[in-house]
Amino acid sequence: MPSKIRKPKPFRAAAAVKAAARHVIGTPPPTRTEPASKKRKLKQDKHKPTLNKLLDEAGE
């Protein structure tokens, strides 16, 4: 049984523009990924501290 003929992909203007730009300018330089610790920020508290907690911290 012969192999199945592949269906051509539909034309996409964005892909054609990017291919033309790569041909004229060249491929973009490779980038280094940032470590996950730099990307993540410390989460803020979801709730403000209650008055009792604030008084307890001030009293100590």
C-alpha atoms as a PDB file:
ATOM      1  CA  MET A   1       0.000   0.000   0.000  1.00  0.00           C
ATOM      2  CA  PRO A   2       1.551   3.350  -1.011  1.00  0.00           C
ATOM      3  CA  SER A   3       2.119   5.999   1.642  1.00  0.00           C
ATOM      4  CA  LYS A   4      -0.555   8.627   2.112  1.00  0.00           C
ATOM      5  CA  ILE A   5      -0.054  11.904   0.248  1.00  0.00           C
ATOM      6  CA  ARG A   6       0.321  14.773   2.681  1.00  0.00           C
ATOM      7  CA  LYS A   7      -2.114  17.649   2.476  1.00  0.00           C
ATOM      8  CA  PRO A   8      -0.344  21.018   2.028  1.00  0.00           C
ATOM      9  CA  LYS A   9      -0.590  23.415   4.961  1.00  0.00           C
ATOM     10  CA  PRO A  10      -2.864  26.428   4.494  1.00  0.00           C
ATOM     11  CA  PHE A  11      -1.209  29.727   3.605  1.00  0.00           C
ATOM     12  CA  ARG A  12      -0.629  32.010   6.563  1.00  0.00           C
ATOM     13  CA  ALA A  13       0.440  35.579   5.937  1.00  0.00           C
ATOM     14  CA  ALA A  14       2.251  35.883   9.267  1.00  0.00           C
ATOM     15  CA  ALA A  15       4.430  32.870   8.508  1.00  0.00           C
ATOM     16  CA  ALA A  16       5.233  34.246   5.039  1.00  0.00           C
ATOM     17  CA  VAL A  17       6.220  37.655   6.468  1.00  0.00           C
ATOM     18  CA  LYS A  18       8.424  36.061   9.107  1.00  0.00           C
ATOM     19  CA  ALA A  19      10.109  33.837   6.518  1.00  0.00           C
ATOM     20  CA  ALA A  20      10.787  36.837   4.269  1.00  0.00           C
ATOM     21  CA  ALA A  21      12.240  38.792   7.206  1.00  0.00           C
ATOM     22  CA  ARG A  22      14.508  35.879   8.146  1.00  0.00           C
ATOM     23  CA  HIS A  23      15.686  35.709   4.540  1.00  0.00           C
ATOM     24  CA  VAL A  24      16.518  39.441   4.400  1.00  0.00           C
ATOM     25  CA  ILE A  25      17.764  40.119   7.945  1.00  0.00           C
ATOM     26  CA  GLY A  26      18.818  36.668   9.085  1.00  0.00           C
ATOM     27  CA  THR A  27      17.812  34.572  12.036  1.00  0.00           C
ATOM     28  CA  PRO A  28      17.551  36.319  15.417  1.00  0.00           C
ATOM     29  CA  PRO A  29      20.382  35.651  17.891  1.00  0.00           C
ATOM     30  CA  PRO A  30      19.765  32.942  20.471  1.00  0.00           C
ATOM     31  CA  THR A  31      18.764  34.156  23.926  1.00  0.00           C
ATOM     32  CA  ARG A  32      19.534  32.832  27.362  1.00  0.00           C
ATOM     33  CA  THR A  33      16.651  31.966  29.625  1.00  0.00           C
ATOM     34  CA  GLU A  34      16.499  33.709  32.986  1.00  0.00           C
ATOM     35  CA  PRO A  35      16.589  31.542  36.090  1.00  0.00           C
ATOM     36  CA  ALA A  36      13.176  30.901  37.596  1.00  0.00           C
ATOM     37  CA  SER A  37      14.135  32.745  40.779  1.00  0.00           C
ATOM     38  CA  LYS A  38      14.440  36.040  38.884  1.00  0.00           C
ATOM     39  CA  LYS A  39      11.075  35.630  37.176  1.00  0.00           C
ATOM     40  CA  ARG A  40       9.114  34.807  40.289  1.00  0.00           C
ATOM     41  CA  LYS A  41       8.250  37.604  42.650  1.00  0.00           C
ATOM     42  CA  LEU A  42       7.301  37.166  46.239  1.00  0.00           C
ATOM     43  CA  LYS A  43       3.576  36.785  46.596  1.00  0.00           C
ATOM     44  CA  GLN A  44       1.777  39.527  48.435  1.00  0.00           C
ATOM     45  CA  ASP A  45      -0.492  38.595  51.290  1.00  0.00           C
ATOM     46  CA  LYS A  46      -3.998  37.957  50.042  1.00  0.00           C
ATOM     47  CA  HIS A  47      -5.553  39.587  53.095  1.00  0.00           C
ATOM     48  CA  LYS A  48      -4.539  42.572  55.145  1.00  0.00           C
ATOM     49  CA  PRO A  49      -3.532  41.697  58.711  1.00  0.00           C
ATOM     50  CA  THR A  50      -6.333  42.044  61.213  1.00  0.00           C
ATOM     51  CA  LEU A  51      -6.307  44.622  63.958  1.00  0.00           C
ATOM     52  CA  ASN A  52      -5.628  41.914  66.572  1.00  0.00           C
ATOM     53  CA  LYS A  53      -2.524  40.728  64.708  1.00  0.00           C
ATOM     54  CA  LEU A  54      -1.238  44.271  64.328  1.00  0.00           C
ATOM     55  CA  LEU A  55      -1.730  44.945  68.039  1.00  0.00           C
ATOM     56  CA  ASP A  56      -0.065  41.652  68.983  1.00  0.00           C
ATOM     57  CA  GLU A  57       2.992  42.461  66.842  1.00  0.00           C
ATOM     58  CA  ALA A  58       3.233  45.993  68.247  1.00  0.00           C
ATOM     59  CA  GLY A  59       2.880  44.699  71.820  1.00  0.00           C
ATOM     60  CA  GLU A  60       5.776  42.259  71.554  1.00  0.00           C
END
